[in-house]
Amino acid sequence: MAERGVPISKKVQLALKPLLTPVEKEMFNFISVVEKYGAPTPAPDPERWQEIYNNVYTPLYDQITYKKITPEEAAKKFKEQVMQILKR
């Protein structure tokens, strides 16, 4: 019933409530309190994000950090390189 946590569906929660142990009821009550403060799940990372992060963002960040290029130059390069990756 709740051995793997509280079901997401409110209908399922209501159906299970009368059958729960005291500990499981406390789990359900806890979830009903904290869900008021939760936020929606963020969208997944864009396609090819790891490639962009590892091969474009990180090297440009390092170049800015060591003052080899300006942030403005990095922004321009970032946009150009990312657009090339996303066009593939």
N, C-alpha and C. Protein backbone atom coordinates (compact mmCIF):
# COMPACT_ATOMS: atom_id res chain seq x y z
N MET A 1 0.82 -1.19 0.00
CA MET A 1 0.00 0.00 0.00
C MET A 1 0.87 1.26 0.00
N ALA A 2 1.60 1.49 1.07
CA ALA A 2 2.47 2.67 1.11
C ALA A 2 3.91 2.26 1.36
N GLU A 3 4.23 1.01 1.09
CA GLU A 3 5.58 0.55 1.36
C GLU A 3 6.63 1.23 0.48
N ARG A 4 6.20 1.83 -0.61
CA ARG A 4 7.13 2.55 -1.49
C ARG A 4 6.85 4.04 -1.49
N GLY A 5 6.16 4.50 -0.50
CA GLY A 5 5.87 5.92 -0.40
C GLY A 5 4.42 6.22 -0.65
N VAL A 6 4.10 7.49 -0.60
CA VAL A 6 2.73 7.95 -0.76
C VAL A 6 2.43 8.05 -2.26
N PRO A 7 1.34 7.44 -2.72
CA PRO A 7 1.00 7.55 -4.15
C PRO A 7 0.73 9.00 -4.55
N ILE A 8 1.03 9.32 -5.76
CA ILE A 8 0.83 10.68 -6.26
C ILE A 8 -0.65 11.00 -6.39
N SER A 9 -1.42 10.04 -6.86
CA SER A 9 -2.84 10.27 -7.12
C SER A 9 -3.62 10.48 -5.82
N LYS A 10 -4.37 11.57 -5.79
CA LYS A 10 -5.22 11.87 -4.62
C LYS A 10 -6.31 10.81 -4.46
N LYS A 11 -6.83 10.32 -5.58
CA LYS A 11 -7.87 9.29 -5.52
C LYS A 11 -7.34 8.03 -4.85
N VAL A 12 -6.12 7.65 -5.20
CA VAL A 12 -5.51 6.46 -4.61
C VAL A 12 -5.23 6.71 -3.13
N GLN A 13 -4.74 7.89 -2.80
CA GLN A 13 -4.49 8.22 -1.39
C GLN A 13 -5.77 8.07 -0.57
N LEU A 14 -6.86 8.65 -1.08
CA LEU A 14 -8.13 8.58 -0.35
C LEU A 14 -8.63 7.14 -0.21
N ALA A 15 -8.44 6.34 -1.24
CA ALA A 15 -8.88 4.95 -1.19
C ALA A 15 -8.07 4.14 -0.18
N LEU A 16 -6.80 4.47 -0.04
CA LEU A 16 -5.92 3.71 0.86
C LEU A 16 -6.01 4.16 2.32
N LYS A 17 -6.36 5.41 2.55
CA LYS A 17 -6.31 5.97 3.91
C LYS A 17 -6.96 5.10 4.98
N PRO A 18 -8.15 4.56 4.76
CA PRO A 18 -8.77 3.75 5.82
C PRO A 18 -8.02 2.44 6.10
N LEU A 19 -7.16 2.03 5.19
CA LEU A 19 -6.46 0.75 5.33
C LEU A 19 -5.06 0.88 5.89
N LEU A 20 -4.62 2.10 6.17
CA LEU A 20 -3.24 2.35 6.56
C LEU A 20 -2.98 2.08 8.04
N THR A 21 -1.72 1.75 8.31
CA THR A 21 -1.27 1.63 9.71
C THR A 21 -1.07 3.05 10.24
N PRO A 22 -0.92 3.21 11.55
CA PRO A 22 -0.68 4.55 12.09
C PRO A 22 0.57 5.22 11.50
N VAL A 23 1.62 4.45 11.28
CA VAL A 23 2.85 5.02 10.71
C VAL A 23 2.60 5.49 9.28
N GLU A 24 1.90 4.68 8.50
CA GLU A 24 1.60 5.06 7.12
C GLU A 24 0.69 6.29 7.08
N LYS A 25 -0.25 6.38 8.00
CA LYS A 25 -1.12 7.56 8.06
C LYS A 25 -0.30 8.82 8.33
N GLU A 26 0.70 8.68 9.18
CA GLU A 26 1.57 9.82 9.47
C GLU A 26 2.34 10.24 8.22
N MET A 27 2.79 9.26 7.42
CA MET A 27 3.47 9.57 6.16
C MET A 27 2.55 10.37 5.24
N PHE A 28 1.32 9.91 5.10
CA PHE A 28 0.36 10.58 4.24
C PHE A 28 0.09 12.00 4.74
N ASN A 29 -0.06 12.15 6.04
CA ASN A 29 -0.30 13.48 6.63
C ASN A 29 0.89 14.40 6.39
N PHE A 30 2.08 13.87 6.56
CA PHE A 30 3.29 14.66 6.33
C PHE A 30 3.33 15.17 4.89
N ILE A 31 3.06 14.29 3.95
CA ILE A 31 3.08 14.69 2.54
C ILE A 31 2.03 15.76 2.26
N SER A 32 0.87 15.63 2.86
CA SER A 32 -0.18 16.63 2.62
C SER A 32 0.22 18.00 3.16
N VAL A 33 1.05 18.03 4.20
CA VAL A 33 1.54 19.32 4.73
C VAL A 33 2.63 19.90 3.83
N VAL A 34 3.64 19.09 3.48
CA VAL A 34 4.78 19.63 2.73
C VAL A 34 4.47 19.91 1.27
N GLU A 35 3.45 19.25 0.70
CA GLU A 35 3.17 19.50 -0.71
C GLU A 35 2.69 20.93 -0.96
N LYS A 36 2.24 21.61 0.08
CA LYS A 36 1.82 23.00 -0.05
C LYS A 36 3.01 23.92 -0.32
N TYR A 37 4.20 23.46 0.04
CA TYR A 37 5.40 24.28 -0.08
C TYR A 37 6.30 23.84 -1.23
N GLY A 38 5.92 22.79 -1.92
CA GLY A 38 6.74 22.27 -3.01
C GLY A 38 6.61 23.11 -4.27
N ALA A 39 7.49 22.85 -5.18
CA ALA A 39 7.48 23.54 -6.47
C ALA A 39 7.34 22.48 -7.56
N PRO A 40 6.87 22.87 -8.71
CA PRO A 40 6.78 21.91 -9.81
C PRO A 40 8.16 21.36 -10.18
N THR A 41 8.18 20.18 -10.70
CA THR A 41 9.44 19.59 -11.15
C THR A 41 9.98 20.41 -12.30
N PRO A 42 11.26 20.76 -12.24
CA PRO A 42 11.81 21.56 -13.33
C PRO A 42 11.81 20.76 -14.64
N ALA A 43 11.80 21.48 -15.73
CA ALA A 43 11.85 20.84 -17.04
C ALA A 43 13.18 20.11 -17.19
N PRO A 44 13.22 19.07 -17.99
CA PRO A 44 14.49 18.38 -18.19
C PRO A 44 15.50 19.28 -18.90
N ASP A 45 16.75 18.94 -18.76
CA ASP A 45 17.80 19.71 -19.43
C ASP A 45 17.57 19.66 -20.94
N PRO A 46 17.94 20.73 -21.62
CA PRO A 46 17.79 20.73 -23.08
C PRO A 46 18.62 19.61 -23.72
N GLU A 47 18.21 19.22 -24.90
CA GLU A 47 18.94 18.21 -25.64
C GLU A 47 20.38 18.65 -25.83
N ARG A 48 21.29 17.72 -25.69
CA ARG A 48 22.73 17.94 -25.87
C ARG A 48 23.34 18.86 -24.80
N TRP A 49 22.65 19.03 -23.67
CA TRP A 49 23.18 19.94 -22.64
C TRP A 49 24.54 19.50 -22.13
N GLN A 50 24.75 18.21 -21.94
CA GLN A 50 26.04 17.75 -21.43
C GLN A 50 27.17 18.11 -22.39
N GLU A 51 26.91 17.92 -23.66
CA GLU A 51 27.91 18.28 -24.66
C GLU A 51 28.20 19.78 -24.62
N ILE A 52 27.16 20.58 -24.54
CA ILE A 52 27.32 22.03 -24.47
C ILE A 52 28.06 22.43 -23.21
N TYR A 53 27.66 21.84 -22.08
CA TYR A 53 28.30 22.19 -20.81
C TYR A 53 29.78 21.83 -20.81
N ASN A 54 30.08 20.60 -21.23
CA ASN A 54 31.47 20.13 -21.17
C ASN A 54 32.37 20.73 -22.24
N ASN A 55 31.84 20.92 -23.45
CA ASN A 55 32.69 21.32 -24.56
C ASN A 55 32.63 22.80 -24.91
N VAL A 56 31.64 23.51 -24.40
CA VAL A 56 31.51 24.93 -24.73
C VAL A 56 31.55 25.78 -23.45
N TYR A 57 30.60 25.55 -22.57
CA TYR A 57 30.48 26.40 -21.37
C TYR A 57 31.73 26.36 -20.50
N THR A 58 32.14 25.15 -20.12
CA THR A 58 33.27 25.04 -19.18
C THR A 58 34.56 25.65 -19.75
N PRO A 59 34.94 25.34 -20.99
CA PRO A 59 36.16 25.97 -21.51
C PRO A 59 36.07 27.51 -21.57
N LEU A 60 34.90 28.01 -21.97
CA LEU A 60 34.75 29.47 -22.02
C LEU A 60 34.78 30.09 -20.63
N TYR A 61 34.15 29.41 -19.68
CA TYR A 61 34.18 29.89 -18.29
C TYR A 61 35.62 29.97 -17.80
N ASP A 62 36.39 28.93 -18.09
CA ASP A 62 37.79 28.93 -17.67
C ASP A 62 38.57 30.07 -18.32
N GLN A 63 38.31 30.32 -19.58
CA GLN A 63 39.00 31.41 -20.28
C GLN A 63 38.66 32.77 -19.67
N ILE A 64 37.41 32.94 -19.27
CA ILE A 64 37.02 34.19 -18.61
C ILE A 64 37.72 34.29 -17.26
N THR A 65 37.71 33.20 -16.52
CA THR A 65 38.32 33.18 -15.19
C THR A 65 39.79 33.58 -15.24
N TYR A 66 40.50 33.09 -16.25
CA TYR A 66 41.93 33.38 -16.37
C TYR A 66 42.20 34.59 -17.26
N LYS A 67 41.13 35.36 -17.51
CA LYS A 67 41.23 36.64 -18.23
C LYS A 67 41.86 36.50 -19.62
N LYS A 68 41.58 35.37 -20.27
CA LYS A 68 42.07 35.18 -21.64
C LYS A 68 41.08 35.78 -22.64
N ILE A 69 39.80 35.86 -22.27
CA ILE A 69 38.79 36.52 -23.08
C ILE A 69 37.84 37.28 -22.15
N THR A 70 37.11 38.21 -22.73
CA THR A 70 36.14 38.97 -21.93
C THR A 70 34.82 38.21 -21.88
N PRO A 71 33.98 38.51 -20.91
CA PRO A 71 32.65 37.88 -20.86
C PRO A 71 31.86 38.13 -22.15
N GLU A 72 32.01 39.29 -22.73
CA GLU A 72 31.29 39.61 -23.97
C GLU A 72 31.75 38.72 -25.12
N GLU A 73 33.06 38.51 -25.21
CA GLU A 73 33.60 37.61 -26.25
C GLU A 73 33.12 36.18 -26.01
N ALA A 74 33.12 35.78 -24.76
CA ALA A 74 32.68 34.43 -24.42
C ALA A 74 31.20 34.24 -24.77
N ALA A 75 30.40 35.25 -24.50
CA ALA A 75 28.96 35.16 -24.81
C ALA A 75 28.76 34.97 -26.31
N LYS A 76 29.51 35.72 -27.10
CA LYS A 76 29.39 35.60 -28.55
C LYS A 76 29.82 34.20 -29.01
N LYS A 77 30.96 33.73 -28.51
CA LYS A 77 31.44 32.40 -28.87
C LYS A 77 30.47 31.32 -28.40
N PHE A 78 29.95 31.50 -27.20
CA PHE A 78 29.01 30.52 -26.65
C PHE A 78 27.81 30.37 -27.58
N LYS A 79 27.24 31.50 -27.96
CA LYS A 79 26.05 31.46 -28.83
C LYS A 79 26.38 30.79 -30.16
N GLU A 80 27.50 31.15 -30.76
CA GLU A 80 27.88 30.56 -32.04
C GLU A 80 28.07 29.05 -31.94
N GLN A 81 28.81 28.61 -30.92
CA GLN A 81 29.12 27.19 -30.78
C GLN A 81 27.88 26.37 -30.43
N VAL A 82 27.04 26.92 -29.57
CA VAL A 82 25.82 26.22 -29.18
C VAL A 82 24.89 26.08 -30.38
N MET A 83 24.77 27.12 -31.17
CA MET A 83 23.91 27.05 -32.35
C MET A 83 24.40 25.97 -33.31
N GLN A 84 25.71 25.83 -33.46
CA GLN A 84 26.26 24.78 -34.31
C GLN A 84 25.90 23.40 -33.78
N ILE A 85 26.02 23.22 -32.49
CA ILE A 85 25.69 21.93 -31.87
C ILE A 85 24.21 21.62 -32.04
N LEU A 86 23.37 22.60 -31.80
CA LEU A 86 21.92 22.36 -31.86
C LEU A 86 21.40 22.17 -33.30
N LYS A 87 22.14 22.65 -34.27
CA LYS A 87 21.72 22.46 -35.66
C LYS A 87 21.96 21.03 -36.14
N ARG A 88 22.83 20.29 -35.47
CA ARG A 88 23.13 18.92 -35.89
C ARG A 88 21.94 18.02 -35.72
